[in-house]
Amino acid sequence: MADRSLRGTRLGAFSMETDVGVVPSERQLTTYVCPQGHRIELPFSIEADIPPTWECRCGATALLLGGGELPEAKPARPVRTHWDMLLERRSIPELEELLEERLTLLRESRGEKPRRRSA
C-alpha cells in the first residue's frame, strides 16, 4: 500500500491530466473599433456567435469591424418610486386615515391630548 501513496504530489494543486490528444477548435480573429479609435482584437471559435459590440477598455462600446451595428435600445422601464408602489396598494383617503392613526398613537405616547380632526 505504501507504494501507491500520493505523498509529495501536491494533490489538488495541479491537474494530473495531460494535453495529449486534445485538439483546440479552430479560431477566427475578430476586430472591434471604439469611437475613440481603440482597436480590440479577440479570438473566437469558428462555431461561436460573434457579438456585434464589445466593451472597450475606455468604457465605450466598440463595434465589430466590417458589419457591426448597434443593437436596438431596449425600452427603459420607468423608475418606480416608493410613493408609486404605495399608491398601487392604498388610496389617498386610506393613507390619510393611516397617517391620522399613527399621529394619534405618537401624540398619546408623548402624553399630548388627541387633536380633533377638522372636516
N, C-alpha and C. Protein backbone atom coordinates (compact mmCIF):
# COMPACT_ATOMS: atom_id res chain seq x y z
N MET A 1 0.82 -1.19 0.00
CA MET A 1 0.00 0.00 0.00
C MET A 1 0.86 1.25 0.00
N ALA A 2 2.02 1.18 0.60
CA ALA A 2 2.90 2.34 0.68
C ALA A 2 3.38 2.77 -0.70
N ASP A 3 3.50 1.83 -1.64
CA ASP A 3 3.96 2.19 -2.97
C ASP A 3 2.90 2.94 -3.77
N ARG A 4 1.64 2.92 -3.34
CA ARG A 4 0.55 3.63 -4.05
C ARG A 4 0.22 4.96 -3.39
N SER A 5 0.98 5.36 -2.44
CA SER A 5 0.73 6.59 -1.70
C SER A 5 0.90 7.81 -2.61
N LEU A 6 0.11 8.85 -2.35
CA LEU A 6 0.20 10.07 -3.14
C LEU A 6 1.01 11.15 -2.41
N ARG A 7 1.79 10.73 -1.44
CA ARG A 7 2.56 11.68 -0.66
C ARG A 7 3.53 12.45 -1.56
N GLY A 8 3.56 13.77 -1.39
CA GLY A 8 4.51 14.59 -2.12
C GLY A 8 4.06 14.98 -3.51
N THR A 9 2.80 14.70 -3.90
CA THR A 9 2.38 15.04 -5.26
C THR A 9 1.58 16.33 -5.31
N ARG A 10 1.44 17.03 -4.21
CA ARG A 10 0.67 18.28 -4.14
C ARG A 10 -0.73 18.04 -4.68
N LEU A 11 -1.39 17.07 -4.14
CA LEU A 11 -2.71 16.69 -4.59
C LEU A 11 -3.65 17.89 -4.55
N GLY A 12 -4.28 18.18 -5.65
CA GLY A 12 -5.19 19.31 -5.73
C GLY A 12 -4.53 20.59 -6.20
N ALA A 13 -3.22 20.65 -6.23
CA ALA A 13 -2.53 21.85 -6.64
C ALA A 13 -2.42 21.95 -8.15
N PHE A 14 -2.46 20.82 -8.82
CA PHE A 14 -2.41 20.85 -10.28
C PHE A 14 -3.13 19.63 -10.83
N SER A 15 -3.47 19.72 -12.09
CA SER A 15 -4.22 18.63 -12.72
C SER A 15 -3.28 17.51 -13.13
N MET A 16 -3.77 16.30 -12.99
CA MET A 16 -2.99 15.14 -13.40
C MET A 16 -3.24 14.81 -14.88
N GLU A 17 -4.15 15.56 -15.52
CA GLU A 17 -4.45 15.32 -16.93
C GLU A 17 -3.39 15.96 -17.80
N THR A 18 -3.23 15.43 -18.98
CA THR A 18 -2.27 16.00 -19.94
C THR A 18 -3.03 16.51 -21.16
N ASP A 19 -2.35 17.26 -21.98
CA ASP A 19 -2.94 17.81 -23.20
C ASP A 19 -2.79 16.87 -24.39
N VAL A 20 -2.36 15.67 -24.15
CA VAL A 20 -2.16 14.70 -25.23
C VAL A 20 -3.52 14.34 -25.82
N GLY A 21 -3.67 14.46 -27.11
CA GLY A 21 -4.91 14.10 -27.79
C GLY A 21 -5.96 15.19 -27.78
N VAL A 22 -5.66 16.33 -27.21
CA VAL A 22 -6.62 17.44 -27.18
C VAL A 22 -6.39 18.31 -28.40
N VAL A 23 -7.44 18.53 -29.17
CA VAL A 23 -7.33 19.36 -30.36
C VAL A 23 -8.19 20.61 -30.13
N PRO A 24 -7.55 21.80 -30.07
CA PRO A 24 -8.35 23.01 -29.87
C PRO A 24 -9.20 23.31 -31.11
N SER A 25 -10.34 23.96 -30.88
CA SER A 25 -11.20 24.29 -32.02
C SER A 25 -10.55 25.39 -32.85
N GLU A 26 -10.99 25.47 -34.09
CA GLU A 26 -10.43 26.49 -34.99
C GLU A 26 -10.86 27.86 -34.51
N ARG A 27 -9.99 28.83 -34.69
CA ARG A 27 -10.24 30.19 -34.21
C ARG A 27 -10.31 31.16 -35.38
N GLN A 28 -11.04 32.24 -35.13
CA GLN A 28 -11.03 33.35 -36.08
C GLN A 28 -10.76 34.62 -35.28
N LEU A 29 -10.00 35.52 -35.83
CA LEU A 29 -9.63 36.76 -35.16
C LEU A 29 -10.63 37.83 -35.56
N THR A 30 -11.28 38.43 -34.57
CA THR A 30 -12.25 39.49 -34.83
C THR A 30 -11.69 40.81 -34.31
N THR A 31 -12.04 41.89 -34.99
CA THR A 31 -11.55 43.20 -34.61
C THR A 31 -12.72 44.12 -34.31
N TYR A 32 -12.62 44.80 -33.19
CA TYR A 32 -13.62 45.79 -32.78
C TYR A 32 -12.94 47.15 -32.72
N VAL A 33 -13.68 48.20 -33.09
CA VAL A 33 -13.15 49.55 -33.05
C VAL A 33 -14.13 50.43 -32.27
N CYS A 34 -13.60 51.15 -31.28
CA CYS A 34 -14.46 52.03 -30.48
C CYS A 34 -14.44 53.44 -31.07
N PRO A 35 -15.36 54.31 -30.67
CA PRO A 35 -15.42 55.68 -31.22
C PRO A 35 -14.14 56.48 -30.98
N GLN A 36 -13.35 56.10 -29.98
CA GLN A 36 -12.11 56.84 -29.70
C GLN A 36 -10.92 56.28 -30.49
N GLY A 37 -11.17 55.29 -31.35
CA GLY A 37 -10.13 54.77 -32.22
C GLY A 37 -9.38 53.57 -31.67
N HIS A 38 -9.72 53.09 -30.49
CA HIS A 38 -9.04 51.91 -29.95
C HIS A 38 -9.45 50.68 -30.75
N ARG A 39 -8.47 49.82 -31.04
CA ARG A 39 -8.74 48.56 -31.76
C ARG A 39 -8.58 47.41 -30.80
N ILE A 40 -9.55 46.52 -30.81
CA ILE A 40 -9.53 45.35 -29.94
C ILE A 40 -9.59 44.13 -30.84
N GLU A 41 -8.61 43.25 -30.72
CA GLU A 41 -8.59 42.01 -31.50
C GLU A 41 -8.81 40.85 -30.55
N LEU A 42 -9.85 40.06 -30.82
CA LEU A 42 -10.21 38.95 -29.96
C LEU A 42 -10.35 37.67 -30.78
N PRO A 43 -9.81 36.56 -30.27
CA PRO A 43 -10.02 35.29 -30.96
C PRO A 43 -11.33 34.65 -30.51
N PHE A 44 -12.12 34.19 -31.46
CA PHE A 44 -13.35 33.47 -31.18
C PHE A 44 -13.32 32.15 -31.93
N SER A 45 -14.00 31.17 -31.39
CA SER A 45 -14.14 29.90 -32.08
C SER A 45 -14.96 30.13 -33.35
N ILE A 46 -14.68 29.35 -34.37
CA ILE A 46 -15.44 29.48 -35.62
C ILE A 46 -16.91 29.15 -35.38
N GLU A 47 -17.19 28.29 -34.41
CA GLU A 47 -18.57 27.89 -34.13
C GLU A 47 -19.31 28.91 -33.25
N ALA A 48 -18.59 29.87 -32.68
CA ALA A 48 -19.22 30.82 -31.75
C ALA A 48 -19.99 31.91 -32.49
N ASP A 49 -21.03 32.41 -31.83
CA ASP A 49 -21.75 33.58 -32.35
C ASP A 49 -20.95 34.82 -31.95
N ILE A 50 -20.57 35.60 -32.94
CA ILE A 50 -19.75 36.79 -32.70
C ILE A 50 -20.67 37.94 -32.29
N PRO A 51 -20.44 38.53 -31.11
CA PRO A 51 -21.28 39.66 -30.69
C PRO A 51 -20.98 40.90 -31.54
N PRO A 52 -22.01 41.68 -31.88
CA PRO A 52 -21.79 42.86 -32.73
C PRO A 52 -21.08 44.00 -32.00
N THR A 53 -21.10 43.98 -30.67
CA THR A 53 -20.43 45.04 -29.90
C THR A 53 -19.58 44.40 -28.81
N TRP A 54 -18.60 45.19 -28.33
CA TRP A 54 -17.73 44.75 -27.24
C TRP A 54 -17.39 45.98 -26.42
N GLU A 55 -17.27 45.82 -25.11
CA GLU A 55 -16.93 46.97 -24.28
C GLU A 55 -15.44 47.23 -24.34
N CYS A 56 -15.07 48.44 -24.72
CA CYS A 56 -13.67 48.82 -24.84
C CYS A 56 -13.08 49.08 -23.46
N ARG A 57 -11.77 49.12 -23.37
CA ARG A 57 -11.10 49.38 -22.09
C ARG A 57 -11.37 50.80 -21.59
N CYS A 58 -11.76 51.70 -22.50
CA CYS A 58 -12.06 53.08 -22.10
C CYS A 58 -13.51 53.22 -21.64
N GLY A 59 -14.30 52.15 -21.76
CA GLY A 59 -15.69 52.18 -21.32
C GLY A 59 -16.69 52.41 -22.43
N ALA A 60 -16.22 52.78 -23.61
CA ALA A 60 -17.11 53.00 -24.75
C ALA A 60 -17.50 51.66 -25.37
N THR A 61 -18.52 51.70 -26.22
CA THR A 61 -18.95 50.50 -26.91
C THR A 61 -18.25 50.42 -28.26
N ALA A 62 -17.48 49.36 -28.44
CA ALA A 62 -16.76 49.16 -29.71
C ALA A 62 -17.61 48.31 -30.64
N LEU A 63 -17.59 48.67 -31.93
CA LEU A 63 -18.35 47.94 -32.94
C LEU A 63 -17.46 46.97 -33.70
N LEU A 64 -18.05 45.87 -34.12
CA LEU A 64 -17.34 44.88 -34.91
C LEU A 64 -16.94 45.51 -36.23
N LEU A 65 -15.68 45.37 -36.59
CA LEU A 65 -15.18 45.95 -37.83
C LEU A 65 -15.79 45.21 -39.01
N GLY A 66 -16.39 45.92 -39.92
CA GLY A 66 -16.98 45.32 -41.11
C GLY A 66 -18.32 44.68 -40.87
N GLY A 67 -19.22 45.39 -40.25
CA GLY A 67 -20.57 44.84 -40.15
C GLY A 67 -21.21 44.97 -38.78
N GLY A 68 -20.52 45.51 -37.83
CA GLY A 68 -21.13 45.65 -36.51
C GLY A 68 -22.06 46.84 -36.46
N GLU A 69 -23.26 46.62 -35.99
CA GLU A 69 -24.24 47.69 -35.82
C GLU A 69 -24.68 47.70 -34.38
N LEU A 70 -24.99 48.88 -33.89
CA LEU A 70 -25.50 48.96 -32.53
C LEU A 70 -26.87 48.27 -32.45
N PRO A 71 -27.06 47.41 -31.48
CA PRO A 71 -28.38 46.79 -31.35
C PRO A 71 -29.41 47.83 -30.93
N GLU A 72 -30.67 47.55 -31.24
CA GLU A 72 -31.72 48.48 -30.88
C GLU A 72 -31.80 48.59 -29.37
N ALA A 73 -31.95 49.81 -28.91
CA ALA A 73 -32.03 50.04 -27.47
C ALA A 73 -33.35 49.48 -26.94
N LYS A 74 -33.26 48.77 -25.85
CA LYS A 74 -34.47 48.23 -25.23
C LYS A 74 -35.21 49.36 -24.55
N PRO A 75 -36.53 49.32 -24.60
CA PRO A 75 -37.27 50.40 -23.94
C PRO A 75 -37.02 50.34 -22.43
N ALA A 76 -36.67 51.50 -21.89
CA ALA A 76 -36.35 51.56 -20.46
C ALA A 76 -37.63 51.59 -19.65
N ARG A 77 -37.63 50.83 -18.58
CA ARG A 77 -38.78 50.84 -17.70
C ARG A 77 -38.76 52.11 -16.87
N PRO A 78 -39.92 52.73 -16.68
CA PRO A 78 -39.93 53.94 -15.85
C PRO A 78 -39.55 53.59 -14.41
N VAL A 79 -38.89 54.51 -13.77
CA VAL A 79 -38.47 54.30 -12.40
C VAL A 79 -39.68 54.36 -11.48
N ARG A 80 -39.83 53.32 -10.66
CA ARG A 80 -40.93 53.29 -9.71
C ARG A 80 -40.40 53.71 -8.35
N THR A 81 -40.97 54.78 -7.82
CA THR A 81 -40.55 55.25 -6.51
C THR A 81 -41.35 54.52 -5.43
N HIS A 82 -40.96 54.75 -4.20
CA HIS A 82 -41.68 54.16 -3.06
C HIS A 82 -43.13 54.66 -3.06
N TRP A 83 -43.30 55.93 -3.38
CA TRP A 83 -44.64 56.52 -3.40
C TRP A 83 -45.51 55.84 -4.46
N ASP A 84 -44.95 55.58 -5.62
CA ASP A 84 -45.70 54.90 -6.69
C ASP A 84 -46.17 53.53 -6.25
N MET A 85 -45.27 52.79 -5.59
CA MET A 85 -45.63 51.45 -5.14
C MET A 85 -46.67 51.50 -4.02
N LEU A 86 -46.57 52.52 -3.19
CA LEU A 86 -47.54 52.69 -2.11
C LEU A 86 -48.92 52.99 -2.68
N LEU A 87 -48.98 53.82 -3.72
CA LEU A 87 -50.27 54.17 -4.34
C LEU A 87 -50.88 52.98 -5.09
N GLU A 88 -50.07 51.98 -5.42
CA GLU A 88 -50.62 50.77 -6.04
C GLU A 88 -51.40 49.94 -5.02
N ARG A 89 -51.03 50.08 -3.74
CA ARG A 89 -51.66 49.27 -2.69
C ARG A 89 -52.74 50.03 -1.92
N ARG A 90 -52.63 51.35 -1.82
CA ARG A 90 -53.55 52.13 -0.99
C ARG A 90 -54.05 53.35 -1.76
N SER A 91 -55.24 53.79 -1.39
CA SER A 91 -55.77 55.03 -1.97
C SER A 91 -55.37 56.20 -1.07
N ILE A 92 -55.53 57.42 -1.56
CA ILE A 92 -55.18 58.61 -0.79
C ILE A 92 -56.00 58.69 0.51
N PRO A 93 -57.33 58.47 0.47
CA PRO A 93 -58.09 58.51 1.73
C PRO A 93 -57.61 57.46 2.75
N GLU A 94 -57.24 56.27 2.28
CA GLU A 94 -56.72 55.25 3.19
C GLU A 94 -55.40 55.70 3.81
N LEU A 95 -54.55 56.32 3.03
CA LEU A 95 -53.27 56.81 3.54
C LEU A 95 -53.47 57.93 4.55
N GLU A 96 -54.43 58.81 4.30
CA GLU A 96 -54.70 59.89 5.25
C GLU A 96 -55.21 59.32 6.57
N GLU A 97 -56.05 58.29 6.50
CA GLU A 97 -56.57 57.66 7.71
C GLU A 97 -55.44 56.99 8.50
N LEU A 98 -54.56 56.28 7.80
CA LEU A 98 -53.42 55.65 8.47
C LEU A 98 -52.50 56.68 9.11
N LEU A 99 -52.30 57.79 8.43
CA LEU A 99 -51.45 58.85 8.97
C LEU A 99 -52.04 59.40 10.26
N GLU A 100 -53.34 59.64 10.26
CA GLU A 100 -54.00 60.15 11.47
C GLU A 100 -53.87 59.16 12.62
N GLU A 101 -54.06 57.87 12.35
CA GLU A 101 -53.93 56.85 13.40
C GLU A 101 -52.52 56.86 13.98
N ARG A 102 -51.50 56.91 13.12
CA ARG A 102 -50.13 56.89 13.60
C ARG A 102 -49.78 58.16 14.37
N LEU A 103 -50.29 59.31 13.90
CA LEU A 103 -50.04 60.56 14.61
C LEU A 103 -50.71 60.55 15.98
N THR A 104 -51.89 59.98 16.05
CA THR A 104 -52.61 59.87 17.33
C THR A 104 -51.81 59.01 18.30
N LEU A 105 -51.32 57.86 17.84
CA LEU A 105 -50.51 56.99 18.69
C LEU A 105 -49.24 57.70 19.16
N LEU A 106 -48.61 58.44 18.28
CA LEU A 106 -47.39 59.17 18.62
C LEU A 106 -47.67 60.23 19.67
N ARG A 107 -48.73 60.97 19.47
CA ARG A 107 -49.08 62.02 20.43
C ARG A 107 -49.44 61.44 21.79
N GLU A 108 -50.16 60.31 21.80
CA GLU A 108 -50.51 59.67 23.07
C GLU A 108 -49.27 59.16 23.80
N SER A 109 -48.29 58.66 23.04
CA SER A 109 -47.07 58.18 23.69
C SER A 109 -46.27 59.33 24.29
N ARG A 110 -46.44 60.54 23.79
CA ARG A 110 -45.76 61.72 24.31
C ARG A 110 -46.57 62.37 25.44
N GLY A 111 -47.77 61.92 25.64
CA GLY A 111 -48.61 62.50 26.69
C GLY A 111 -49.43 63.69 26.23
N GLU A 112 -49.50 63.91 24.93
CA GLU A 112 -50.29 65.03 24.42
C GLU A 112 -51.74 64.61 24.31
N LYS A 113 -52.62 65.61 24.34
CA LYS A 113 -54.03 65.34 24.15
C LYS A 113 -54.31 65.10 22.67
N PRO A 114 -55.21 64.16 22.38
CA PRO A 114 -55.54 63.92 20.96
C PRO A 114 -56.23 65.13 20.35
N ARG A 115 -55.88 65.45 19.14
CA ARG A 115 -56.49 66.57 18.41
C ARG A 115 -57.73 66.12 17.68
N ARG A 116 -58.64 67.01 17.55
CA ARG A 116 -59.84 66.74 16.78
C ARG A 116 -59.55 67.07 15.33
N ARG A 117 -59.98 66.22 14.46
CA ARG A 117 -59.75 66.42 13.02
C ARG A 117 -60.87 67.30 12.50
N SER A 118 -60.48 68.38 11.84
CA SER A 118 -61.50 69.28 11.27
C SER A 118 -61.86 68.78 9.89
N ALA A 119 -63.16 68.80 9.60
CA ALA A 119 -63.63 68.28 8.33
C ALA A 119 -63.76 69.34 7.30
